[in-house]
Amino acid sequence: MRVLQDNVIVLKHKSEYQGILQGIDSSESTKAKVMGVGPTVENISLGDIVMIDWNKAKNIKNDLFVVKQEDIVAVYEAEDLGE
């Protein structure tokens, strides 16, 4: 699949805490791995772990989603992930 314009393809990570947290929408507590980036996307690379606005994500299939770059809230650094 070729990603166009400012779109980003992400794979939704399953959180070990998903479903345990009460009162929080579990989709908001998950991370996503960048699987593809469009040619006009800046500061985001393949393999990055990101936090996105899941309300704006469009499901492609299973846990694969497409989002606009503007809907990516943050890119996690290695120290944020405990690596």
Protein backbone atom coordinates (compact mmCIF):
# COMPACT_ATOMS: atom_id res chain seq x y z
CA MET A 1 0.00 0.00 0.00
CA ARG A 2 1.40 3.39 -0.97
CA VAL A 3 0.67 6.14 1.56
CA LEU A 4 -0.26 9.51 0.07
CA GLN A 5 0.12 13.14 1.15
CA ASP A 6 0.25 13.74 4.93
CA ASN A 7 -1.21 10.37 5.89
CA VAL A 8 0.38 7.90 8.30
CA ILE A 9 -0.41 4.19 8.60
CA VAL A 10 -0.20 2.87 12.17
CA LEU A 11 -0.55 -0.49 13.84
CA LYS A 12 -2.42 -0.27 17.13
CA HIS A 13 -0.46 -1.71 20.04
CA LYS A 14 -2.29 -3.87 22.54
CA SER A 15 -1.63 -2.52 26.01
CA GLU A 16 -1.03 -4.94 28.87
CA TYR A 17 -3.30 -2.66 30.90
CA GLN A 18 -6.07 -2.45 28.31
CA GLY A 19 -9.34 -3.32 29.93
CA ILE A 20 -7.91 -3.00 33.44
CA LEU A 21 -8.15 0.78 33.61
CA GLN A 22 -11.64 1.77 34.63
CA GLY A 23 -13.23 5.04 33.64
CA ILE A 24 -10.77 5.51 30.77
CA ASP A 25 -11.52 4.71 27.15
CA SER A 26 -9.03 1.92 26.45
CA SER A 27 -8.48 3.19 22.90
CA GLU A 28 -7.03 6.39 24.37
CA SER A 29 -4.53 4.45 26.46
CA THR A 30 -2.88 2.58 23.60
CA LYS A 31 0.15 3.34 21.52
CA ALA A 32 0.63 2.78 17.82
CA LYS A 33 3.62 1.83 15.68
CA VAL A 34 4.19 3.73 12.43
CA MET A 35 4.06 1.33 9.48
CA GLY A 36 4.00 3.82 6.60
CA VAL A 37 4.32 7.57 5.99
CA GLY A 38 3.22 9.79 3.13
CA PRO A 39 5.71 11.92 1.20
CA THR A 40 4.80 15.19 2.95
CA VAL A 41 4.99 13.83 6.52
CA GLU A 42 7.71 15.44 8.66
CA ASN A 43 9.30 14.42 11.99
CA ILE A 44 7.72 10.95 11.92
CA SER A 45 9.58 7.85 10.73
CA LEU A 46 8.81 4.21 10.08
CA GLY A 47 8.92 2.26 13.33
CA ASP A 48 8.20 5.26 15.59
CA ILE A 49 5.85 4.64 18.50
CA VAL A 50 3.22 7.37 18.58
CA MET A 51 0.20 8.58 20.49
CA ILE A 52 -2.68 9.52 18.22
CA ASP A 53 -6.16 10.99 18.48
CA TRP A 54 -8.04 7.71 18.02
CA ASN A 55 -11.29 9.58 17.32
CA LYS A 56 -9.79 10.71 14.00
CA ALA A 57 -8.24 7.36 13.01
CA LYS A 58 -9.81 5.39 10.16
CA ASN A 59 -9.66 1.61 10.40
CA ILE A 60 -8.20 -0.12 7.35
CA LYS A 61 -8.37 -3.68 8.68
CA ASN A 62 -7.91 -5.39 12.04
CA ASP A 63 -5.50 -3.18 14.05
CA LEU A 64 -4.24 -1.15 11.07
CA PHE A 65 -5.33 2.49 10.88
CA VAL A 66 -4.68 5.59 8.79
CA VAL A 67 -4.40 9.04 10.39
CA LYS A 68 -3.38 12.49 9.23
CA GLN A 69 -0.06 13.78 10.55
CA GLU A 70 -1.91 16.53 12.43
CA ASP A 71 -3.76 13.85 14.44
CA ILE A 72 -0.52 12.45 15.87
CA VAL A 73 -0.26 13.95 19.33
CA ALA A 74 3.25 12.78 20.30
CA VAL A 75 6.18 10.59 19.28
CA TYR A 76 7.56 8.53 22.15
CA GLU A 77 11.29 8.67 22.84
CA ALA A 78 13.19 5.51 23.89
CA GLU A 79 13.35 6.72 27.52
CA ASP A 80 9.54 7.13 27.55
CA LEU A 81 9.19 3.45 26.65
CA GLY A 82 11.68 2.20 29.23
CA GLU A 83 14.19 1.09 26.60
